[in-house]
Amino acid sequence: MANIGKDLALLTAGSPEHFNALTILYGALGTIWGKNAYFAFIKPERYTWKFINESEYFTVSYFPKELNDIHSVFGYKSGRDTDKVKEAGVTPEFLTNCVTFKEAREVFICRKIYMNQMNRSEIPADVTAKYNDPNDLIYGEPHYAVIGEIIGNIVR
């Protein structure tokens, strides 16, 4: 079972012809509006944001610990100018409405039901300072909160 908030995962959106994935750590499972949901957070500067913004479905994929090296590719390189799938050595798996990877040990298949950018004025001051610090990983625009209704779960 995925250890959400401690294990890194890949959030993937797009079509089999054109998709992108990025490493995420921020996330949660829960319920909202009577639906089981995955809550993810994505910065708009990330290339994958374009895909999640344009897609109805996305996946969140957790991998065995021995594949943690893939996150140095998906977490720090951009799909704008890098074939991250090839460089990381993972195999895309095309599902009905979305993409995951054959090496993933657990996959949440989600239908996007909500997305909105966090309001900087409502973020705690100590966190807001990080958005203003170019040396911090969360520098820049606030994250988008993305809620996906979990419509499927693959456990291998």
C-alpha atoms as a PDB file:
ATOM      1  CA  MET A   1       0.000   0.000   0.000  1.00  0.00           C
ATOM      2  CA  ALA A   2       1.270   3.475  -0.876  1.00  0.00           C
ATOM      3  CA  ASN A   3       2.548   5.539   2.009  1.00  0.00           C
ATOM      4  CA  ILE A   4       1.092   8.835   0.813  1.00  0.00           C
ATOM      5  CA  GLY A   5       2.997  11.890   1.981  1.00  0.00           C
ATOM      6  CA  LYS A   6       6.150   9.822   2.522  1.00  0.00           C
ATOM      7  CA  ASP A   7       6.577   7.889  -0.740  1.00  0.00           C
ATOM      8  CA  LEU A   8       7.241   9.736  -3.962  1.00  0.00           C
ATOM      9  CA  ALA A   9       4.809   9.128  -6.817  1.00  0.00           C
ATOM     10  CA  LEU A  10       4.397  10.057 -10.467  1.00  0.00           C
ATOM     11  CA  LEU A  11       1.366  12.075 -11.472  1.00  0.00           C
ATOM     12  CA  THR A  12       0.706  11.501 -15.172  1.00  0.00           C
ATOM     13  CA  ALA A  13      -1.788  13.241 -17.447  1.00  0.00           C
ATOM     14  CA  GLY A  14      -2.436  13.391 -21.163  1.00  0.00           C
ATOM     15  CA  SER A  15      -3.171  10.924 -23.933  1.00  0.00           C
ATOM     16  CA  PRO A  16      -1.157   7.925 -25.125  1.00  0.00           C
ATOM     17  CA  GLU A  17       0.071  10.107 -27.997  1.00  0.00           C
ATOM     18  CA  HIS A  18       1.157  13.019 -25.797  1.00  0.00           C
ATOM     19  CA  PHE A  19       1.525  12.832 -22.027  1.00  0.00           C
ATOM     20  CA  ASN A  20       3.834  13.936 -19.260  1.00  0.00           C
ATOM     21  CA  ALA A  21       4.553  12.913 -15.690  1.00  0.00           C
ATOM     22  CA  LEU A  22       6.143  14.572 -12.700  1.00  0.00           C
ATOM     23  CA  THR A  23       7.221  13.455  -9.264  1.00  0.00           C
ATOM     24  CA  ILE A  24       4.911  14.463  -6.443  1.00  0.00           C
ATOM     25  CA  LEU A  25       5.138  14.118  -2.691  1.00  0.00           C
ATOM     26  CA  TYR A  26       2.274  16.410  -1.729  1.00  0.00           C
ATOM     27  CA  GLY A  27      -0.943  14.418  -1.785  1.00  0.00           C
ATOM     28  CA  ALA A  28      -3.695  12.828   0.254  1.00  0.00           C
ATOM     29  CA  LEU A  29      -6.475  10.285   0.026  1.00  0.00           C
ATOM     30  CA  GLY A  30      -9.879  11.191   1.363  1.00  0.00           C
ATOM     31  CA  THR A  31     -13.489  11.752   0.534  1.00  0.00           C
ATOM     32  CA  ILE A  32     -15.267  14.807  -0.781  1.00  0.00           C
ATOM     33  CA  TRP A  33     -18.781  15.246  -2.117  1.00  0.00           C
ATOM     34  CA  GLY A  34     -19.473  11.576  -1.395  1.00  0.00           C
ATOM     35  CA  LYS A  35     -16.574  10.455  -3.606  1.00  0.00           C
ATOM     36  CA  ASN A  36     -13.285   8.728  -2.784  1.00  0.00           C
ATOM     37  CA  ALA A  37     -10.632  11.152  -3.913  1.00  0.00           C
ATOM     38  CA  TYR A  38      -6.928  11.759  -4.429  1.00  0.00           C
ATOM     39  CA  PHE A  39      -5.804  15.300  -3.589  1.00  0.00           C
ATOM     40  CA  ALA A  40      -2.685  16.430  -5.469  1.00  0.00           C
ATOM     41  CA  PHE A  41      -0.854  19.729  -5.719  1.00  0.00           C
ATOM     42  CA  ILE A  42       0.966  20.948  -8.827  1.00  0.00           C
ATOM     43  CA  LYS A  43       2.930  24.095  -9.565  1.00  0.00           C
ATOM     44  CA  PRO A  44       1.825  25.888 -12.757  1.00  0.00           C
ATOM     45  CA  GLU A  45       5.437  26.218 -13.928  1.00  0.00           C
ATOM     46  CA  ARG A  46       5.655  22.467 -14.350  1.00  0.00           C
ATOM     47  CA  TYR A  47       5.132  21.124 -17.876  1.00  0.00           C
ATOM     48  CA  THR A  48       2.722  18.486 -16.539  1.00  0.00           C
ATOM     49  CA  TRP A  49       0.382  21.285 -15.388  1.00  0.00           C
ATOM     50  CA  LYS A  50      -0.550  21.874 -19.042  1.00  0.00           C
ATOM     51  CA  PHE A  51      -1.567  18.230 -19.346  1.00  0.00           C
ATOM     52  CA  ILE A  52      -3.531  18.082 -16.088  1.00  0.00           C
ATOM     53  CA  ASN A  53      -5.257  21.338 -17.025  1.00  0.00           C
ATOM     54  CA  GLU A  54      -6.346  19.928 -20.401  1.00  0.00           C
ATOM     55  CA  SER A  55      -7.148  16.359 -19.293  1.00  0.00           C
ATOM     56  CA  GLU A  56     -10.210  14.871 -17.678  1.00  0.00           C
ATOM     57  CA  TYR A  57      -8.228  11.945 -16.214  1.00  0.00           C
ATOM     58  CA  PHE A  58      -4.886  11.447 -14.508  1.00  0.00           C
ATOM     59  CA  THR A  59      -3.022   8.743 -12.639  1.00  0.00           C
ATOM     60  CA  VAL A  60      -0.905   8.745  -9.509  1.00  0.00           C
ATOM     61  CA  SER A  61       1.587   5.869  -9.584  1.00  0.00           C
ATOM     62  CA  TYR A  62       3.708   4.521  -6.738  1.00  0.00           C
ATOM     63  CA  PHE A  63       6.811   2.451  -7.481  1.00  0.00           C
ATOM     64  CA  PRO A  64       8.925  -0.060  -5.580  1.00  0.00           C
ATOM     65  CA  LYS A  65      11.676   1.595  -3.491  1.00  0.00           C
ATOM     66  CA  GLU A  66      14.372   0.108  -5.734  1.00  0.00           C
ATOM     67  CA  LEU A  67      13.106   2.364  -8.547  1.00  0.00           C
ATOM     68  CA  ASN A  68      13.403   5.606  -6.551  1.00  0.00           C
ATOM     69  CA  ASP A  69      16.082   6.798  -9.000  1.00  0.00           C
ATOM     70  CA  ILE A  70      13.340   7.580 -11.527  1.00  0.00           C
ATOM     71  CA  HIS A  71      12.382  10.548  -9.365  1.00  0.00           C
ATOM     72  CA  SER A  72      15.708  12.271 -10.089  1.00  0.00           C
ATOM     73  CA  VAL A  73      14.520  12.396 -13.707  1.00  0.00           C
ATOM     74  CA  PHE A  74      10.795  13.081 -13.240  1.00  0.00           C
ATOM     75  CA  GLY A  75      11.325  15.469 -10.332  1.00  0.00           C
ATOM     76  CA  TYR A  76      14.105  17.617 -11.725  1.00  0.00           C
ATOM     77  CA  LYS A  77      13.917  17.507 -15.515  1.00  0.00           C
ATOM     78  CA  SER A  78      11.295  18.972 -17.818  1.00  0.00           C
ATOM     79  CA  GLY A  79       9.358  17.019 -20.401  1.00  0.00           C
ATOM     80  CA  ARG A  80       9.568  20.137 -22.576  1.00  0.00           C
ATOM     81  CA  ASP A  81      13.122  19.221 -23.542  1.00  0.00           C
ATOM     82  CA  THR A  82      13.754  15.714 -22.145  1.00  0.00           C
ATOM     83  CA  ASP A  83      12.255  12.324 -22.942  1.00  0.00           C
ATOM     84  CA  LYS A  84      11.839  11.510 -19.249  1.00  0.00           C
ATOM     85  CA  VAL A  85      10.292   8.099 -19.897  1.00  0.00           C
ATOM     86  CA  LYS A  86      13.271   6.970 -21.967  1.00  0.00           C
ATOM     87  CA  GLU A  87      15.825   8.492 -19.597  1.00  0.00           C
ATOM     88  CA  ALA A  88      14.213   6.931 -16.506  1.00  0.00           C
ATOM     89  CA  GLY A  89      13.811   3.565 -18.232  1.00  0.00           C
ATOM     90  CA  VAL A  90      10.128   3.061 -17.411  1.00  0.00           C
ATOM     91  CA  THR A  91       7.452   1.572 -19.670  1.00  0.00           C
ATOM     92  CA  PRO A  92       4.230   3.491 -20.368  1.00  0.00           C
ATOM     93  CA  GLU A  93       1.012   1.554 -19.850  1.00  0.00           C
ATOM     94  CA  PHE A  94      -1.949   2.963 -21.734  1.00  0.00           C
ATOM     95  CA  LEU A  95      -5.275   2.629 -19.970  1.00  0.00           C
ATOM     96  CA  THR A  96      -8.682   3.602 -21.355  1.00  0.00           C
ATOM     97  CA  ASN A  97      -8.479   7.326 -20.519  1.00  0.00           C
ATOM     98  CA  CYS A  98      -5.006   7.791 -19.087  1.00  0.00           C
ATOM     99  CA  VAL A  99      -1.408   6.638 -18.814  1.00  0.00           C
ATOM    100  CA  THR A 100       0.582   4.951 -16.056  1.00  0.00           C
ATOM    101  CA  PHE A 101       3.710   2.774 -16.008  1.00  0.00           C
ATOM    102  CA  LYS A 102       4.069  -1.015 -15.997  1.00  0.00           C
ATOM    103  CA  GLU A 103       6.665  -0.855 -13.204  1.00  0.00           C
ATOM    104  CA  ALA A 104       4.273   0.876 -10.771  1.00  0.00           C
ATOM    105  CA  ARG A 105       3.222  -1.216  -7.771  1.00  0.00           C
ATOM    106  CA  GLU A 106       0.089   0.816  -7.056  1.00  0.00           C
ATOM    107  CA  VAL A 107      -1.853   3.184  -9.300  1.00  0.00           C
ATOM    108  CA  PHE A 108      -4.765   5.480  -8.525  1.00  0.00           C
ATOM    109  CA  ILE A 109      -6.820   6.201 -11.638  1.00  0.00           C
ATOM    110  CA  CYS A 110      -8.604   9.523 -11.223  1.00  0.00           C
ATOM    111  CA  ARG A 111     -11.206  11.629 -12.981  1.00  0.00           C
ATOM    112  CA  LYS A 112     -10.527  15.298 -12.321  1.00  0.00           C
ATOM    113  CA  ILE A 113     -13.428  16.866 -10.435  1.00  0.00           C
ATOM    114  CA  TYR A 114     -11.853  20.110  -9.158  1.00  0.00           C
ATOM    115  CA  MET A 115      -8.813  22.300  -9.781  1.00  0.00           C
ATOM    116  CA  ASN A 116      -8.006  25.741  -8.422  1.00  0.00           C
ATOM    117  CA  GLN A 117      -4.856  27.709  -7.632  1.00  0.00           C
ATOM    118  CA  MET A 118      -4.096  28.346  -3.989  1.00  0.00           C
ATOM    119  CA  ASN A 119      -4.519  31.954  -2.906  1.00  0.00           C
ATOM    120  CA  ARG A 120      -1.172  33.359  -1.759  1.00  0.00           C
ATOM    121  CA  SER A 121      -2.874  35.636   0.786  1.00  0.00           C
ATOM    122  CA  GLU A 122      -4.390  32.574   2.521  1.00  0.00           C
ATOM    123  CA  ILE A 123      -1.161  30.559   2.742  1.00  0.00           C
ATOM    124  CA  PRO A 124       0.681  30.655   6.110  1.00  0.00           C
ATOM    125  CA  ALA A 125       3.411  33.316   6.231  1.00  0.00           C
ATOM    126  CA  ASP A 126       6.264  30.823   6.739  1.00  0.00           C
ATOM    127  CA  VAL A 127       5.201  28.986   3.568  1.00  0.00           C
ATOM    128  CA  THR A 128       4.602  32.174   1.578  1.00  0.00           C
ATOM    129  CA  ALA A 129       8.194  33.172   2.320  1.00  0.00           C
ATOM    130  CA  LYS A 130       9.333  30.002   0.513  1.00  0.00           C
ATOM    131  CA  TYR A 131       7.386  30.997  -2.614  1.00  0.00           C
ATOM    132  CA  ASN A 132       9.462  34.215  -2.579  1.00  0.00           C
ATOM    133  CA  ASP A 133      12.843  32.509  -1.993  1.00  0.00           C
ATOM    134  CA  PRO A 134      14.547  31.525  -5.283  1.00  0.00           C
ATOM    135  CA  ASN A 135      16.653  28.992  -3.339  1.00  0.00           C
ATOM    136  CA  ASP A 136      13.586  27.068  -2.135  1.00  0.00           C
ATOM    137  CA  LEU A 137      12.001  24.248  -4.133  1.00  0.00           C
ATOM    138  CA  ILE A 138       8.531  25.797  -3.961  1.00  0.00           C
ATOM    139  CA  TYR A 139       9.670  29.207  -5.269  1.00  0.00           C
ATOM    140  CA  GLY A 140       7.310  30.881  -7.742  1.00  0.00           C
ATOM    141  CA  GLU A 141       3.581  30.687  -8.190  1.00  0.00           C
ATOM    142  CA  PRO A 142       1.447  28.850  -5.612  1.00  0.00           C
ATOM    143  CA  HIS A 143       0.389  25.287  -6.316  1.00  0.00           C
ATOM    144  CA  TYR A 144      -2.864  24.260  -7.909  1.00  0.00           C
ATOM    145  CA  ALA A 145      -5.007  21.958  -5.797  1.00  0.00           C
ATOM    146  CA  VAL A 146      -6.267  19.140  -7.978  1.00  0.00           C
ATOM    147  CA  ILE A 147      -8.913  16.719  -6.754  1.00  0.00           C
ATOM    148  CA  GLY A 148      -9.505  13.529  -8.648  1.00  0.00           C
ATOM    149  CA  GLU A 149     -12.326  11.081  -7.988  1.00  0.00           C
ATOM    150  CA  ILE A 150     -10.682   7.672  -7.707  1.00  0.00           C
ATOM    151  CA  ILE A 151     -12.364   5.559 -10.381  1.00  0.00           C
ATOM    152  CA  GLY A 152      -9.868   2.695 -10.294  1.00  0.00           C
ATOM    153  CA  ASN A 153      -6.986   1.272  -8.303  1.00  0.00           C
ATOM    154  CA  ILE A 154      -4.342  -1.128  -9.561  1.00  0.00           C
ATOM    155  CA  VAL A 155      -2.275  -3.010  -6.966  1.00  0.00           C
ATOM    156  CA  ARG A 156       0.486  -5.339  -8.174  1.00  0.00           C
END
